[in-house]
Amino acid sequence: MLTTSPLPTTPTKDLQPWAETLLCLGQAFLPPRDPSFQHAIIHDLPRDLQDLNDTLGFTTNAALAQWSEHLGHWADDEQALLKCYSRLFLSPPTPASLNAGRHLDGQLMGPSAVEMEQVYQAHALARDPNLHQLPDHLALQLQFVAFLLAEAPTAADPETYLHDARGFTSRYLRGWLKNLVSQCQTGEAAYHLPPVYSQLADFTHQAILRLLEQLPQREAAPQPTDQAPPPVRDNPFTGKEADKNAGDTHPITCSRCSEPFMAEGELAGIIAALHANDVSAAHLCICPDCRAGAMGMTAMKPPEVR
């Protein structure tokens, strides 16, 4: 069983500015199609991030001032923001990708995206058909972590929310944001665009690294040698419950529909290798029908701070 340290390194109330910061950053990575949304990013977001940075210190005031200056050049042509976003992230060939799976798995709707959707569902988040981003889109990732941080103060077990926030951030966010910064810089240079989204990605990267310093860590308590270990929590960050009967010659229980299926060929070998190293393969224990259905998934509804 996992135990928490007696006190989190940071009280949950002190994490609320982080929830607001991640919500702001997450919104900024959505397509700026609506004129009012474009106006908000150009005129309001710099002030909001400056206020939050005064509290959290995730970047320098000089960097924020420079970024605000670049945005200010578009004050009379707010459609320029959409053109910049489209050139970087939407119009093929896109030089940068906001989908974590492209960076972590080398593909869309790969194992990481399926895992993320399972995590969202575990927290009972609804789908919004009006939002067309995939589960691994940076905007949804940031808003999900913001949701966990915002819920923690009123939760019966706040450490669980903070632990999940740390696990999600470490596993799905920290490892690829630096690459996103580089992609944006390359695209902006190639198409003679101001460094608006590369700087925004850098703010996000620095904020994530700073946030991880504030989140508490759980440590495993030593197990008595004369007792069997208790059941493992079915959690993508800590558990192996979903794939406990996986193997290369035995039926596997699908972690989505709970129906048995046979893993064949390379998939069976990968699952067996992961188990041999005591690593969860829950993200691979998905039957062909569910994996095909996952390809049509729509984005999760963005969480909101209370």
Protein backbone atom coordinates (compact mmCIF):
# COMPACT_ATOMS: atom_id res chain seq x y z
CA MET A 1 0.00 0.00 0.00
CA LEU A 2 1.16 3.52 -0.73
CA THR A 3 1.38 5.99 2.13
CA THR A 4 1.60 9.75 2.08
CA SER A 5 4.04 11.84 3.99
CA PRO A 6 2.40 13.47 7.04
CA LEU A 7 1.97 16.83 5.33
CA PRO A 8 2.12 17.88 1.69
CA THR A 9 5.11 20.02 0.84
CA THR A 10 2.67 22.78 -0.12
CA PRO A 11 -0.78 23.35 1.45
CA THR A 12 -3.58 22.76 -1.05
CA LYS A 13 -4.77 26.37 -0.77
CA ASP A 14 -1.37 27.53 -2.01
CA LEU A 15 -1.82 25.48 -5.18
CA GLN A 16 -4.87 27.43 -6.34
CA PRO A 17 -2.80 30.02 -8.24
CA TRP A 18 -1.24 27.11 -10.10
CA ALA A 19 -4.70 25.89 -11.09
CA GLU A 20 -5.51 29.35 -12.45
CA THR A 21 -2.18 29.51 -14.30
CA LEU A 22 -2.69 26.15 -15.99
CA LEU A 23 -6.24 27.09 -16.96
CA CYS A 24 -4.99 30.30 -18.57
CA LEU A 25 -2.19 28.53 -20.40
CA GLY A 26 -4.48 25.72 -21.48
CA GLN A 27 -7.01 28.11 -22.98
CA ALA A 28 -4.23 29.90 -24.86
CA PHE A 29 -3.39 26.70 -26.78
CA LEU A 30 -6.91 26.32 -28.18
CA PRO A 31 -7.53 27.58 -31.75
CA PRO A 32 -8.28 31.35 -31.53
CA ARG A 33 -11.16 31.32 -34.00
CA ASP A 34 -13.62 33.53 -32.14
CA PRO A 35 -12.87 37.30 -32.29
CA SER A 36 -13.58 37.77 -28.59
CA PHE A 37 -11.21 34.92 -27.79
CA GLN A 38 -8.49 36.48 -29.96
CA HIS A 39 -9.01 39.80 -28.18
CA ALA A 40 -8.75 38.12 -24.78
CA ILE A 41 -5.43 36.46 -25.61
CA ILE A 42 -3.88 39.59 -27.06
CA HIS A 43 -5.14 42.13 -24.51
CA ASP A 44 -6.06 40.25 -21.33
CA LEU A 45 -3.87 37.15 -21.07
CA PRO A 46 -0.56 39.04 -20.69
CA ARG A 47 -1.92 40.90 -17.65
CA ASP A 48 -3.34 37.72 -16.15
CA LEU A 49 -0.07 35.83 -16.55
CA GLN A 50 1.88 38.76 -15.13
CA ASP A 51 -0.31 38.80 -12.02
CA LEU A 52 0.06 35.04 -11.58
CA ASN A 53 3.80 35.20 -12.19
CA ASP A 54 4.13 37.81 -9.46
CA THR A 55 2.84 35.13 -7.09
CA LEU A 56 4.44 31.99 -8.54
CA GLY A 57 7.59 33.12 -10.34
CA PHE A 58 7.46 30.57 -13.16
CA THR A 59 9.23 32.90 -15.62
CA THR A 60 10.87 36.31 -15.74
CA ASN A 61 9.09 39.64 -16.01
CA ALA A 62 11.32 40.50 -18.96
CA ALA A 63 10.17 37.41 -20.89
CA LEU A 64 6.52 38.24 -20.20
CA ALA A 65 7.02 41.84 -21.27
CA GLN A 66 8.67 40.73 -24.51
CA TRP A 67 5.86 38.28 -25.21
CA SER A 68 3.24 40.95 -24.54
CA GLU A 69 5.05 43.28 -26.93
CA HIS A 70 4.92 40.69 -29.70
CA LEU A 71 1.19 40.21 -29.13
CA GLY A 72 0.69 43.96 -29.15
CA HIS A 73 1.73 44.13 -32.79
CA TRP A 74 -1.50 42.27 -33.58
CA ALA A 75 -3.77 44.64 -31.67
CA ASP A 76 -5.18 46.03 -34.95
CA ASP A 77 -5.23 42.70 -36.78
CA GLU A 78 -6.40 40.05 -34.36
CA GLN A 79 -6.91 37.56 -37.22
CA ALA A 80 -3.11 37.45 -37.41
CA LEU A 81 -3.13 35.36 -34.23
CA LEU A 82 -5.32 32.73 -35.90
CA LYS A 83 -3.10 32.77 -38.99
CA CYS A 84 -0.05 32.20 -36.81
CA TYR A 85 -1.74 29.37 -34.89
CA SER A 86 -2.93 27.72 -38.10
CA ARG A 87 0.50 27.90 -39.71
CA LEU A 88 2.16 26.25 -36.73
CA PHE A 89 -0.41 23.68 -35.63
CA LEU A 90 -3.17 23.18 -38.23
CA SER A 91 -2.04 23.71 -41.83
CA PRO A 92 -0.02 20.81 -43.30
CA PRO A 93 2.83 20.37 -43.10
CA THR A 94 2.54 21.40 -39.47
CA PRO A 95 5.95 22.19 -37.96
CA ALA A 96 4.69 21.72 -34.38
CA SER A 97 2.22 19.42 -32.65
CA LEU A 98 0.15 20.13 -29.54
CA ASN A 99 -0.73 16.44 -29.14
CA ALA A 100 1.42 14.70 -26.54
CA GLY A 101 1.14 11.37 -28.35
CA ARG A 102 3.05 12.73 -31.33
CA HIS A 103 5.99 13.37 -29.01
CA LEU A 104 5.63 10.44 -26.60
CA ASP A 105 4.46 7.67 -28.95
CA GLY A 106 5.24 9.04 -32.40
CA GLN A 107 1.58 8.82 -33.39
CA LEU A 108 -1.93 10.07 -32.72
CA MET A 109 -4.21 7.98 -30.50
CA GLY A 110 -1.39 5.76 -29.35
CA PRO A 111 -1.01 4.23 -25.88
CA SER A 112 -0.49 7.54 -24.10
CA ALA A 113 -3.67 9.09 -25.48
CA VAL A 114 -5.71 6.00 -24.52
CA GLU A 115 -4.23 6.10 -21.02
CA MET A 116 -5.08 9.78 -20.66
CA GLU A 117 -8.68 9.21 -21.64
CA GLN A 118 -8.91 6.48 -19.01
CA VAL A 119 -7.57 8.89 -16.39
CA TYR A 120 -10.16 11.52 -17.37
CA GLN A 121 -12.92 8.94 -17.13
CA ALA A 122 -11.68 7.82 -13.71
CA HIS A 123 -12.35 11.38 -12.51
CA ALA A 124 -15.85 11.35 -14.07
CA LEU A 125 -15.15 14.11 -16.57
CA ALA A 126 -17.75 14.51 -19.31
CA ARG A 127 -17.18 14.84 -23.01
CA ASP A 128 -17.91 18.03 -24.87
CA PRO A 129 -18.87 17.35 -28.50
CA ASN A 130 -18.18 20.99 -29.39
CA LEU A 131 -14.51 20.56 -28.58
CA HIS A 132 -12.67 18.59 -31.24
CA GLN A 133 -9.26 18.14 -29.66
CA LEU A 134 -8.03 14.64 -28.85
CA PRO A 135 -7.50 13.57 -25.21
CA ASP A 136 -3.76 14.24 -25.42
CA HIS A 137 -4.07 17.83 -26.64
CA LEU A 138 -1.98 20.19 -24.49
CA ALA A 139 -4.98 22.42 -23.71
CA LEU A 140 -6.91 19.50 -22.21
CA GLN A 141 -3.89 18.17 -20.35
CA LEU A 142 -3.28 21.51 -18.65
CA GLN A 143 -6.93 22.00 -17.81
CA PHE A 144 -7.13 18.50 -16.34
CA VAL A 145 -4.21 19.14 -13.97
CA ALA A 146 -5.84 22.46 -13.08
CA PHE A 147 -9.02 20.54 -12.26
CA LEU A 148 -7.14 18.24 -9.88
CA LEU A 149 -5.45 21.14 -8.13
CA ALA A 150 -8.74 23.01 -7.81
CA GLU A 151 -10.60 19.98 -6.42
CA ALA A 152 -7.95 19.03 -3.87
CA PRO A 153 -8.85 21.60 -1.14
CA THR A 154 -12.44 20.35 -0.86
CA ALA A 155 -11.75 16.65 -1.41
CA ALA A 156 -11.98 14.13 1.42
CA ASP A 157 -8.53 12.87 0.45
CA PRO A 158 -6.67 15.86 -1.03
CA GLU A 159 -3.35 13.99 -1.19
CA THR A 160 -4.86 11.59 -3.74
CA TYR A 161 -5.72 14.49 -6.05
CA LEU A 162 -2.25 15.97 -5.64
CA HIS A 163 -0.63 12.59 -6.21
CA ASP A 164 -2.66 12.12 -9.41
CA ALA A 165 -1.72 15.64 -10.51
CA ARG A 166 1.94 14.85 -9.99
CA GLY A 167 1.67 11.49 -11.73
CA PHE A 168 -0.14 12.91 -14.74
CA THR A 169 2.21 15.86 -15.02
CA SER A 170 5.34 13.73 -14.71
CA ARG A 171 4.15 11.06 -17.09
CA TYR A 172 2.39 13.00 -19.83
CA LEU A 173 3.57 16.64 -19.70
CA ARG A 174 7.10 17.13 -18.44
CA GLY A 175 8.88 15.01 -21.04
CA TRP A 176 7.81 16.68 -24.29
CA LEU A 177 7.22 20.40 -23.69
CA LYS A 178 10.86 21.30 -24.35
CA ASN A 179 10.53 19.62 -27.74
CA LEU A 180 7.38 21.64 -28.41
CA VAL A 181 9.31 24.85 -27.72
CA SER A 182 11.92 23.81 -30.28
CA GLN A 183 9.28 22.90 -32.86
CA CYS A 184 7.56 26.26 -32.46
CA GLN A 185 10.86 28.12 -32.74
CA THR A 186 11.70 26.25 -35.95
CA GLY A 187 8.27 26.93 -37.44
CA GLU A 188 8.28 30.58 -36.48
CA ALA A 189 11.70 31.06 -38.04
CA ALA A 190 10.72 29.22 -41.22
CA TYR A 191 7.53 31.23 -41.75
CA HIS A 192 8.81 34.56 -40.36
CA LEU A 193 6.38 34.57 -37.46
CA PRO A 194 6.90 36.38 -34.15
CA PRO A 195 7.91 34.06 -31.26
CA VAL A 196 4.47 34.12 -29.66
CA TYR A 197 3.72 30.41 -29.35
CA SER A 198 7.32 29.34 -28.72
CA GLN A 199 7.43 31.73 -25.76
CA LEU A 200 4.02 30.57 -24.57
CA ALA A 201 5.23 26.97 -24.76
CA ASP A 202 8.33 27.93 -22.80
CA PHE A 203 6.21 29.59 -20.10
CA THR A 204 4.23 26.36 -19.90
CA HIS A 205 7.35 24.21 -19.69
CA GLN A 206 8.82 26.34 -16.91
CA ALA A 207 5.49 26.40 -15.04
CA ILE A 208 5.23 22.60 -15.17
CA LEU A 209 8.77 22.16 -13.83
CA ARG A 210 8.09 24.67 -11.05
CA LEU A 211 4.76 23.04 -10.19
CA LEU A 212 6.38 19.62 -9.80
CA GLU A 213 8.63 21.12 -7.13
CA GLN A 214 5.52 22.06 -5.15
CA LEU A 215 3.56 18.82 -5.40
CA PRO A 216 4.00 16.20 -2.67
CA GLN A 217 5.40 12.77 -3.39
CA ARG A 218 4.12 9.48 -2.09
CA GLU A 219 6.53 6.90 -0.84
CA ALA A 220 5.84 3.19 -0.63
CA ALA A 221 5.67 1.80 2.88
CA PRO A 222 7.77 -1.34 3.46
CA GLN A 223 5.76 -4.56 3.20
CA PRO A 224 5.81 -7.07 6.12
CA THR A 225 7.49 -10.25 4.92
CA ASP A 226 4.85 -12.51 6.50
CA GLN A 227 1.83 -10.87 4.87
CA ALA A 228 0.58 -10.76 1.32
CA PRO A 229 0.54 -7.26 -0.18
CA PRO A 230 -2.89 -5.58 -0.25
CA PRO A 231 -4.74 -5.12 -3.57
CA VAL A 232 -3.24 -2.51 -5.84
CA ARG A 233 -5.34 0.51 -6.64
CA ASP A 234 -6.48 0.48 -10.27
CA ASN A 235 -4.69 3.67 -11.23
CA PRO A 236 -2.56 4.36 -14.32
CA PHE A 237 0.13 5.86 -12.11
CA THR A 238 0.35 3.17 -9.42
CA GLY A 239 -1.59 0.05 -10.30
CA LYS A 240 -1.45 -3.04 -12.43
CA GLU A 241 -4.94 -4.29 -11.68
CA ALA A 242 -6.13 -3.89 -15.24
CA ASP A 243 -3.43 -6.17 -16.65
CA LYS A 244 -2.85 -8.64 -13.82
CA ASN A 245 -3.84 -11.63 -15.93
CA ALA A 246 -2.06 -10.49 -19.08
CA GLY A 247 0.40 -12.83 -20.76
CA ASP A 248 1.58 -14.17 -24.03
CA THR A 249 -0.48 -17.40 -24.01
CA HIS A 250 -3.47 -16.62 -21.79
CA PRO A 251 -6.57 -14.49 -22.36
CA ILE A 252 -6.27 -10.86 -21.34
CA THR A 253 -9.09 -8.85 -19.79
CA CYS A 254 -9.71 -5.67 -21.76
CA SER A 255 -9.18 -2.68 -19.50
CA ARG A 256 -12.03 -0.83 -21.23
CA CYS A 257 -14.89 -3.33 -21.73
CA SER A 258 -13.71 -6.13 -19.37
CA GLU A 259 -14.12 -8.76 -22.10
CA PRO A 260 -11.37 -11.37 -22.55
CA PHE A 261 -9.28 -11.39 -25.72
CA MET A 262 -6.05 -12.98 -26.93
CA ALA A 263 -2.97 -10.84 -27.50
CA GLU A 264 -1.00 -12.09 -30.46
CA GLY A 265 2.39 -11.57 -32.03
CA GLU A 266 4.35 -8.47 -31.09
CA LEU A 267 1.68 -7.19 -28.67
CA ALA A 268 1.87 -10.39 -26.61
CA GLY A 269 5.65 -10.14 -26.49
CA ILE A 270 5.57 -6.51 -25.36
CA ILE A 271 3.07 -7.26 -22.59
CA ALA A 272 5.12 -10.24 -21.39
CA ALA A 273 8.31 -8.15 -21.38
CA LEU A 274 6.65 -5.38 -19.36
CA HIS A 275 5.36 -7.85 -16.79
CA ALA A 276 8.79 -9.45 -16.51
CA ASN A 277 10.12 -6.05 -15.47
CA ASP A 278 7.19 -5.39 -13.11
CA VAL A 279 5.85 -2.59 -15.34
CA SER A 280 2.15 -2.06 -15.95
CA ALA A 281 0.84 -2.90 -19.42
CA ALA A 282 -2.69 -1.68 -18.73
CA HIS A 283 -2.49 0.78 -21.61
CA LEU A 284 -1.91 -2.15 -24.00
CA CYS A 285 -4.62 -4.42 -22.57
CA ILE A 286 -7.30 -3.08 -24.91
CA CYS A 287 -9.23 -5.42 -27.20
CA PRO A 288 -9.34 -4.72 -30.96
CA ASP A 289 -12.95 -3.50 -30.81
CA CYS A 290 -12.25 -0.93 -28.09
CA ARG A 291 -9.03 0.21 -29.73
CA ALA A 292 -10.88 0.78 -32.99
CA GLY A 293 -13.57 2.72 -31.14
CA ALA A 294 -10.93 4.83 -29.43
CA MET A 295 -9.83 6.14 -32.81
CA GLY A 296 -13.07 8.11 -32.99
CA MET A 297 -12.82 9.65 -29.54
CA THR A 298 -13.69 13.27 -29.12
CA ALA A 299 -12.04 15.52 -26.59
CA MET A 300 -12.86 15.60 -22.92
CA LYS A 301 -14.76 18.60 -21.61
CA PRO A 302 -12.24 21.04 -20.14
CA PRO A 303 -12.36 21.06 -16.34
CA GLU A 304 -13.19 24.30 -14.63
CA VAL A 305 -11.88 25.76 -11.41
CA ARG A 306 -14.62 26.16 -8.81
